[in-house]
Every structure is written in C-alpha cells, then in structure tokens.
Amino acid sequence: MGRLLKRLRSWEGLLLVILLVVLAYNILRVPNFLTITNQINLFQLGIEKAIVVLVMAFIIINGEIDLSVASMMGLAAAIVAVLYQNGTPMPLAILAALAVGAAFGLMNGYFVAKLGITSLAVTLAGYIGFRGLARMLVEDNSVGDFPEWFNRLGQQGLIGPVTLSILIYIVLAIVAALVLNRTGFGRTTYVVGNSAKVARFSGVSVERNKMILFTLSGFIAALAGVLYAARLGAVRSSTAEGFELDIITVVLLGGVSIFGGVGTMLGVLLSTYLVLNLRNGLVIAGVTGNTQTGIIGLLLILSVLLPNMAAAARSRLKRRSESAAATRAPTGAGSGAGTATG
C-alpha cells in the first residue's frame, strides 16, 4: 500500500489523474469511446510519432536532444517513394531508407560524441538538411502508386484491426522498458545523462553510448517514416513536418528531464496515451489544427517548467528542514552535556 501511495504521488501518478480526466471527457462526448476498435484507431493516428518517442526518451535521458527525427521520417519516406518510382523493388527501397537513417544517425552521434559539438546544433543542422534532401528528391510532387501489399501494411490490420505499426510499437515499447530498467546499457544511459564527466571517470564509454543512441534514433525515425508512407499511400516533401514538437513534448511530459538523467518509460507511455487522447478530445471539441499545435506547445513549456519548479520547491523545503534541525541540534547537545555534568 505504501509503494502504491508513493507511486500515486509521483509524476506518473499526476499523469494518470490527468489521463483519467481526459478519458472521462472523451467518454462522455463520444459513444463507445473505449471500445477496442476505437482505441486502436486512436493509436493508429499517431503511431509513427509514438514509435519515435521511445528512442527520443533514451536520447533525452542521456542528456541530449534530436531535433532531426521528423525530417528523417520525411527523408526516409521520400527515398522509398523515389527509389520505387525509378524501378527499385520496394523491399530494397525500404532497406535503403533504413540504411540512410542509421548512417545519418551515426553521423549525428559522431559529431556529438567524438567531436564534442552540442546535439542541439548538430541535429538542428539535420533538421534543415534532411528536410532539404527530401525536397530535392520529391520537389513539389506527391509520389504514390505504391504496391498494394505495401499500402496494406500501413492501412489494414494484421491481427484483427491491429496494424503492423501498432505491433512494432508494442514490441519496441516492451524492449525499451526492459533495456532502460533492466540492463547495463540503460543504467549507463542514466549515468551519462546525470554527468558525462563522472561517467568517464567511472570507466563508462560515454562516446559509445551516445553513438549507439543517435544511430538508433536515425534508424527508428527512418522506420517510422516508411510506416507513415505506407499508411498515407503517398509521399510529399512536407511528410511528417512538425512532428518533432509532439515527440519531444510527449517525452518531457512523461517526466523525462530536459537536463538528462531522470525519467521512466512508464511515464513516457502514459504521456503518449494522454497526448493521443488530448488531441482526440480537442478534435471532439472542434478545436482547429493550429490551436491544437499551440496547446501542445504550451504543454511542452509546462512539461519543462513544472518538474523543475517542483524540484526547486523540494530543494527549498529540504534546506529549511536541515536548517531547522541544525538550529535545534546545539540546544539539545548543550542540554545533554549539562545533564551529564550534573
């Protein structure tokens, strides 16, 4: 019972309460909202973002950021579309897109880990550069006419209404939670996020950890881009544009500190479901797309400010408590000494 109460008082507990409120609103406004089919459809609308959120959680816990993920999604989708349009078999086009994602992710990791350039600057360059490459490949065209089997992978269920994207997300979520909580790599990710300098003194290969994470980030973003192309059935140069805002918001709202070293996969999963339901509730309420983006942006600001404000408040309370204890200590010690002397 004590552990349950402690969990409810945590950030994850707050997310759960907010999620229940949002769910209650959606249930009251939409008949049969909680049916399995409706919930699967809800996930399907944002499943590619949810997939990238999993790897972004590792990146931010590691004390870094990757602003290029949405641009990589768009570039991977463009590579698949253009290669297939020019006669490349679709399986090879998919493999090429995934390889490009991993290669550019490795490049980001090299600049950050080996050359010491801040991830904000490196991935901002990727954000611009990858999108520029996608525009060069696709220009202003809408490229589609994909094979029927490829479109089915993104649009039709493999197990009932569950699509391939959702199955991939479930597997990746389980793997991500186990790696973060149960493996040495997960513990290293936390240690590096808390202090890369301390991690180096402890014998941790900080560079290796960061390069693996950025390579995975590029690969997973490319995978999400391919899945997004399959779901839409067509690709434009603007595919996945602006997705990085939602992805980073979900991670930070899940309790992952923007400064690194803090966060849980449980919080990230709760946050993912919360944002999906929040967007659905905003649609139900008739809120326009631009206003939805503004609200998500406000969530991003709050998700950064609130944990830090709470941490600062806890720190002040702790200092006051320690100060009060230190003030009382000499009185108690003096009284004890007097008694002993008497």
Protein backbone atom coordinates (compact mmCIF):
# COMPACT_ATOMS: atom_id res chain seq x y z
CA MET A 1 0.00 0.00 0.00
CA GLY A 2 2.85 2.37 0.87
CA ARG A 3 4.52 1.82 -2.50
CA LEU A 4 1.19 2.40 -4.29
CA LEU A 5 0.64 5.72 -2.46
CA LYS A 6 4.19 6.79 -3.25
CA ARG A 7 3.64 5.98 -6.93
CA LEU A 8 0.38 7.97 -6.97
CA ARG A 9 2.21 10.98 -5.51
CA SER A 10 4.82 10.78 -8.28
CA TRP A 11 4.80 12.48 -11.68
CA GLU A 12 3.38 9.28 -13.18
CA GLY A 13 0.54 9.47 -10.66
CA LEU A 14 -0.25 13.03 -11.77
CA LEU A 15 -0.23 11.92 -15.40
CA LEU A 16 -2.62 9.11 -14.54
CA VAL A 17 -5.05 11.52 -12.89
CA ILE A 18 -4.94 13.91 -15.86
CA LEU A 19 -5.38 10.98 -18.25
CA LEU A 20 -8.47 9.81 -16.36
CA VAL A 21 -9.96 13.32 -16.60
CA VAL A 22 -9.33 13.49 -20.35
CA LEU A 23 -10.71 9.98 -20.81
CA ALA A 24 -13.83 10.89 -18.84
CA TYR A 25 -14.41 13.89 -21.12
CA ASN A 26 -13.98 11.81 -24.28
CA ILE A 27 -16.20 9.01 -22.94
CA LEU A 28 -18.99 11.49 -22.14
CA ARG A 29 -18.78 13.11 -25.57
CA VAL A 30 -18.29 10.01 -27.76
CA PRO A 31 -20.42 6.84 -27.50
CA ASN A 32 -18.39 3.61 -27.24
CA PHE A 33 -15.16 5.60 -26.96
CA LEU A 34 -13.40 2.85 -25.00
CA THR A 35 -14.12 0.07 -27.49
CA ILE A 36 -11.03 -1.82 -28.65
CA THR A 37 -11.54 -0.79 -32.28
CA ASN A 38 -11.83 2.89 -31.39
CA GLN A 39 -8.73 2.79 -29.17
CA ILE A 40 -6.72 1.07 -31.91
CA ASN A 41 -7.87 3.71 -34.40
CA LEU A 42 -6.82 6.37 -31.89
CA PHE A 43 -3.32 4.91 -31.66
CA GLN A 44 -3.10 4.44 -35.42
CA LEU A 45 -3.49 8.19 -36.00
CA GLY A 46 -0.28 8.93 -34.11
CA ILE A 47 1.54 5.60 -34.09
CA GLU A 48 4.60 6.76 -36.04
CA LYS A 49 5.22 9.57 -33.54
CA ALA A 50 4.73 7.11 -30.68
CA ILE A 51 7.41 4.84 -32.14
CA VAL A 52 9.94 7.68 -32.32
CA VAL A 53 9.02 8.81 -28.78
CA LEU A 54 10.52 5.57 -27.42
CA VAL A 55 14.01 6.27 -28.74
CA MET A 56 13.72 10.01 -28.03
CA ALA A 57 13.21 9.13 -24.35
CA PHE A 58 16.64 7.45 -24.33
CA ILE A 59 18.24 10.41 -26.11
CA ILE A 60 16.91 12.98 -23.62
CA ILE A 61 17.62 10.81 -20.55
CA ASN A 62 21.16 10.66 -21.97
CA GLY A 63 21.29 14.45 -21.72
CA GLU A 64 20.99 15.10 -25.46
CA ILE A 65 18.29 16.11 -27.96
CA ASP A 66 17.50 15.08 -31.53
CA LEU A 67 15.61 17.74 -33.48
CA SER A 68 16.12 15.92 -36.79
CA VAL A 69 13.79 12.94 -36.25
CA ALA A 70 10.79 14.33 -38.14
CA SER A 71 12.97 15.45 -41.03
CA MET A 72 14.50 11.97 -41.11
CA MET A 73 11.00 10.48 -41.25
CA GLY A 74 10.25 12.69 -44.26
CA LEU A 75 13.58 11.86 -45.93
CA ALA A 76 13.12 8.10 -45.46
CA ALA A 77 9.61 8.29 -46.92
CA ALA A 78 10.94 10.29 -49.87
CA ILE A 79 13.75 7.78 -50.50
CA VAL A 80 11.29 4.88 -50.58
CA ALA A 81 8.96 6.77 -52.93
CA VAL A 82 11.63 7.95 -55.38
CA LEU A 83 13.54 4.65 -55.50
CA TYR A 84 10.34 2.68 -56.16
CA GLN A 85 9.22 5.22 -58.75
CA ASN A 86 12.53 4.68 -60.56
CA GLY A 87 12.21 0.91 -60.70
CA THR A 88 13.83 -0.29 -57.47
CA PRO A 89 11.95 -3.21 -55.87
CA MET A 90 10.08 -1.96 -52.81
CA PRO A 91 11.90 -4.24 -50.29
CA LEU A 92 15.26 -2.83 -51.48
CA ALA A 93 13.89 0.72 -51.36
CA ILE A 94 12.82 0.15 -47.73
CA LEU A 95 16.23 -1.27 -46.80
CA ALA A 96 17.95 1.70 -48.46
CA ALA A 97 15.81 4.16 -46.47
CA LEU A 98 16.57 2.37 -43.20
CA ALA A 99 20.29 2.27 -44.02
CA VAL A 100 20.30 6.01 -44.75
CA GLY A 101 18.53 6.65 -41.44
CA ALA A 102 21.10 4.62 -39.50
CA ALA A 103 24.01 6.24 -41.38
CA PHE A 104 22.83 9.79 -40.72
CA GLY A 105 22.09 8.87 -37.12
CA LEU A 106 25.64 7.56 -36.78
CA MET A 107 26.91 10.79 -38.31
CA ASN A 108 24.97 12.82 -35.73
CA GLY A 109 26.38 10.62 -32.99
CA TYR A 110 29.93 11.08 -34.28
CA PHE A 111 29.66 14.86 -34.27
CA VAL A 112 28.17 14.87 -30.79
CA ALA A 113 30.22 12.13 -29.10
CA LYS A 114 33.58 12.34 -30.86
CA LEU A 115 33.82 15.99 -31.87
CA GLY A 116 32.01 17.37 -28.84
CA ILE A 117 29.53 19.55 -30.77
CA THR A 118 26.28 20.10 -28.88
CA SER A 119 23.43 17.87 -30.03
CA LEU A 120 21.18 20.92 -30.34
CA ALA A 121 23.42 22.39 -33.06
CA VAL A 122 24.11 19.05 -34.80
CA THR A 123 20.51 17.91 -35.00
CA LEU A 124 19.25 21.39 -35.90
CA ALA A 125 21.52 21.11 -38.94
CA GLY A 126 19.99 17.69 -39.59
CA TYR A 127 16.51 19.14 -39.16
CA ILE A 128 17.24 21.56 -42.02
CA GLY A 129 19.48 19.33 -44.12
CA PHE A 130 17.37 16.15 -44.13
CA ARG A 131 14.24 18.14 -45.00
CA GLY A 132 16.17 19.84 -47.78
CA LEU A 133 17.22 16.47 -49.20
CA ALA A 134 13.60 15.30 -49.12
CA ARG A 135 12.56 18.43 -51.04
CA MET A 136 15.28 17.79 -53.63
CA LEU A 137 14.08 14.21 -54.12
CA VAL A 138 10.33 14.82 -54.25
CA GLU A 139 10.19 18.55 -55.11
CA ASP A 140 6.56 19.71 -55.02
CA ASN A 141 5.14 16.41 -56.22
CA SER A 142 3.02 13.85 -54.45
CA VAL A 143 4.60 10.47 -55.12
CA GLY A 144 2.46 7.38 -54.59
CA ASP A 145 1.13 4.42 -56.54
CA PHE A 146 2.88 2.02 -54.16
CA PRO A 147 2.40 -1.77 -54.31
CA GLU A 148 -0.87 -2.94 -52.82
CA TRP A 149 0.91 -5.09 -50.21
CA PHE A 150 2.86 -2.04 -49.00
CA ASN A 151 -0.28 0.05 -48.57
CA ARG A 152 -1.99 -2.81 -46.75
CA LEU A 153 0.85 -2.95 -44.23
CA GLY A 154 0.09 0.60 -43.19
CA GLN A 155 -3.68 0.65 -43.55
CA GLN A 156 -5.07 -2.81 -42.78
CA GLY A 157 -4.90 -4.92 -39.66
CA LEU A 158 -2.66 -7.96 -39.45
CA ILE A 159 -4.30 -9.29 -36.27
CA GLY A 160 -7.89 -8.09 -36.30
CA PRO A 161 -7.74 -4.27 -36.52
CA VAL A 162 -4.13 -4.18 -35.20
CA THR A 163 -1.77 -2.94 -37.92
CA LEU A 164 1.91 -3.71 -38.40
CA SER A 165 2.81 -0.27 -36.98
CA ILE A 166 0.99 -0.96 -33.72
CA LEU A 167 2.60 -4.40 -33.42
CA ILE A 168 6.03 -2.83 -33.95
CA TYR A 169 5.23 -0.19 -31.32
CA ILE A 170 4.17 -2.80 -28.76
CA VAL A 171 7.36 -4.84 -29.30
CA LEU A 172 9.59 -1.75 -29.19
CA ALA A 173 7.86 -0.41 -26.06
CA ILE A 174 8.47 -3.69 -24.21
CA VAL A 175 12.09 -3.82 -25.38
CA ALA A 176 12.67 -0.15 -24.48
CA ALA A 177 11.26 -0.61 -20.97
CA LEU A 178 13.36 -3.72 -20.35
CA VAL A 179 16.56 -2.15 -21.72
CA LEU A 180 16.12 1.07 -19.75
CA ASN A 181 15.26 -0.62 -16.45
CA ARG A 182 16.99 -3.99 -16.56
CA THR A 183 20.24 -3.69 -18.49
CA GLY A 184 23.67 -2.17 -18.10
CA PHE A 185 23.09 -0.06 -21.21
CA GLY A 186 20.02 1.50 -19.59
CA ARG A 187 21.90 2.25 -16.37
CA THR A 188 24.76 3.74 -18.41
CA THR A 189 22.27 5.98 -20.22
CA TYR A 190 21.11 7.39 -16.87
CA VAL A 191 24.66 7.79 -15.55
CA VAL A 192 25.82 9.65 -18.67
CA GLY A 193 22.72 11.85 -18.54
CA ASN A 194 23.42 12.79 -14.93
CA SER A 195 27.07 13.65 -15.59
CA ALA A 196 29.15 12.61 -18.58
CA LYS A 197 32.31 13.68 -16.74
CA VAL A 198 31.56 11.43 -13.75
CA ALA A 199 30.66 8.61 -16.13
CA ARG A 200 34.07 8.91 -17.85
CA PHE A 201 35.89 8.84 -14.51
CA SER A 202 33.90 5.70 -13.68
CA GLY A 203 35.19 3.97 -16.80
CA VAL A 204 31.97 4.30 -18.82
CA SER A 205 32.38 4.65 -22.59
CA VAL A 206 30.34 7.83 -22.99
CA GLU A 207 31.12 8.16 -26.69
CA ARG A 208 29.99 4.61 -27.44
CA ASN A 209 26.74 5.09 -25.52
CA LYS A 210 25.89 8.30 -27.35
CA MET A 211 26.79 6.99 -30.80
CA ILE A 212 24.61 3.91 -30.33
CA LEU A 213 21.67 6.06 -29.23
CA PHE A 214 21.93 8.50 -32.15
CA THR A 215 22.31 5.64 -34.64
CA LEU A 216 19.18 4.05 -33.20
CA SER A 217 17.40 7.39 -33.34
CA GLY A 218 18.12 7.75 -37.05
CA PHE A 219 17.15 4.15 -37.77
CA ILE A 220 13.88 4.27 -35.78
CA ALA A 221 12.93 7.62 -37.31
CA ALA A 222 13.52 6.17 -40.78
CA LEU A 223 11.42 3.12 -39.89
CA ALA A 224 8.61 5.40 -38.69
CA GLY A 225 8.86 7.37 -41.93
CA VAL A 226 8.49 4.21 -44.02
CA LEU A 227 5.47 3.14 -41.97
CA TYR A 228 3.97 6.61 -42.34
CA ALA A 229 4.38 6.43 -46.12
CA ALA A 230 2.60 3.06 -46.12
CA ARG A 231 -0.28 4.47 -44.06
CA LEU A 232 -0.73 7.56 -46.22
CA GLY A 233 -0.17 5.79 -49.54
CA ALA A 234 1.69 8.85 -50.88
CA VAL A 235 4.71 10.99 -50.00
CA ARG A 236 5.35 14.72 -50.23
CA SER A 237 8.43 16.71 -49.26
CA SER A 238 6.48 18.01 -46.24
CA THR A 239 5.72 14.50 -44.92
CA ALA A 240 5.99 14.40 -41.10
CA GLU A 241 6.77 18.12 -40.95
CA GLY A 242 6.44 19.48 -37.40
CA PHE A 243 6.27 16.05 -35.76
CA GLU A 244 9.33 16.78 -33.61
CA LEU A 245 7.24 19.15 -31.45
CA ASP A 246 4.77 16.43 -30.50
CA ILE A 247 7.52 13.85 -29.99
CA ILE A 248 9.62 15.98 -27.64
CA THR A 249 6.50 17.19 -25.80
CA VAL A 250 5.40 13.62 -25.08
CA VAL A 251 8.83 12.68 -23.71
CA LEU A 252 9.13 15.73 -21.46
CA LEU A 253 5.51 15.49 -20.35
CA GLY A 254 6.29 11.90 -19.36
CA GLY A 255 8.63 13.20 -16.67
CA VAL A 256 11.93 12.95 -18.54
CA SER A 257 14.14 15.87 -17.53
CA ILE A 258 15.39 18.07 -20.36
CA PHE A 259 18.72 18.15 -18.48
CA GLY A 260 19.05 14.34 -18.60
CA GLY A 261 19.43 11.57 -16.07
CA VAL A 262 15.79 11.49 -14.95
CA GLY A 263 12.70 9.76 -16.34
CA THR A 264 10.84 6.47 -16.62
CA MET A 265 9.43 4.54 -19.55
CA LEU A 266 6.13 4.22 -17.62
CA GLY A 267 5.80 7.99 -17.58
CA VAL A 268 6.57 8.18 -21.30
CA LEU A 269 3.95 5.53 -22.14
CA LEU A 270 1.32 7.28 -20.01
CA SER A 271 2.19 10.59 -21.64
CA THR A 272 1.88 9.07 -25.11
CA TYR A 273 -1.63 7.83 -24.40
CA LEU A 274 -2.53 11.14 -22.72
CA VAL A 275 -1.46 13.27 -25.70
CA LEU A 276 -3.29 10.99 -28.15
CA ASN A 277 -6.47 11.31 -26.09
CA LEU A 278 -5.97 15.04 -25.61
CA ARG A 279 -5.70 15.61 -29.34
CA ASN A 280 -8.81 13.46 -29.84
CA GLY A 281 -10.66 15.50 -27.21
CA LEU A 282 -9.63 18.74 -28.90
CA VAL A 283 -10.97 17.45 -32.21
CA ILE A 284 -14.23 16.48 -30.50
CA ALA A 285 -14.42 20.00 -29.03
CA GLY A 286 -13.98 21.48 -32.51
CA VAL A 287 -10.53 22.96 -31.87
CA THR A 288 -8.67 23.73 -35.10
CA GLY A 289 -5.31 22.24 -36.04
CA ASN A 290 -3.31 25.43 -35.43
CA THR A 291 -4.86 25.87 -31.99
CA GLN A 292 -4.11 22.23 -31.21
CA THR A 293 -0.46 22.88 -32.07
CA GLY A 294 -0.47 25.90 -29.78
CA ILE A 295 -1.88 23.84 -26.93
CA ILE A 296 0.75 21.12 -27.50
CA GLY A 297 3.40 23.85 -27.49
CA LEU A 298 2.05 25.11 -24.16
CA LEU A 299 2.24 21.56 -22.83
CA LEU A 300 5.88 21.46 -23.92
CA ILE A 301 6.62 24.61 -21.92
CA LEU A 302 4.76 23.34 -18.86
CA SER A 303 6.42 19.93 -19.07
CA VAL A 304 9.80 21.67 -18.81
CA LEU A 305 8.84 24.23 -16.16
CA LEU A 306 6.70 22.23 -13.75
CA PRO A 307 9.18 19.43 -12.88
CA ASN A 308 11.95 21.99 -12.35
CA MET A 309 9.69 24.19 -10.22
CA ALA A 310 8.71 21.14 -8.17
CA ALA A 311 12.35 20.13 -7.77
CA ALA A 312 13.27 23.66 -6.68
CA ALA A 313 10.42 23.66 -4.14
CA ARG A 314 11.55 20.29 -2.75
CA SER A 315 15.10 21.58 -2.51
CA ARG A 316 13.99 24.67 -0.57
CA LEU A 317 11.91 22.58 1.81
CA LYS A 318 14.85 20.24 2.35
CA ARG A 319 17.21 23.15 3.10
CA ARG A 320 14.71 24.64 5.56
CA SER A 321 14.31 21.30 7.26
CA GLU A 322 18.06 20.85 7.53
CA SER A 323 18.47 24.41 8.77
CA ALA A 324 15.81 23.90 11.43
CA ALA A 325 17.42 20.63 12.50
CA ALA A 326 20.83 22.31 12.72
CA THR A 327 19.36 25.11 14.83
CA ARG A 328 17.83 22.64 17.27
CA ALA A 329 20.90 20.40 17.48
CA PRO A 330 23.17 22.65 19.66
CA THR A 331 20.38 23.21 22.18
CA GLY A 332 19.83 19.51 22.51
CA ALA A 333 23.56 18.85 22.75
CA GLY A 334 24.05 21.54 25.39
CA SER A 335 21.18 20.22 27.47
CA GLY A 336 22.59 16.72 27.27
CA ALA A 337 26.04 17.92 28.35
CA GLY A 338 24.62 19.81 31.32
CA THR A 339 22.75 16.80 32.47
CA ALA A 340 25.83 14.64 32.22
CA THR A 341 27.88 17.13 34.22
CA GLY A 342 25.29 17.36 36.94
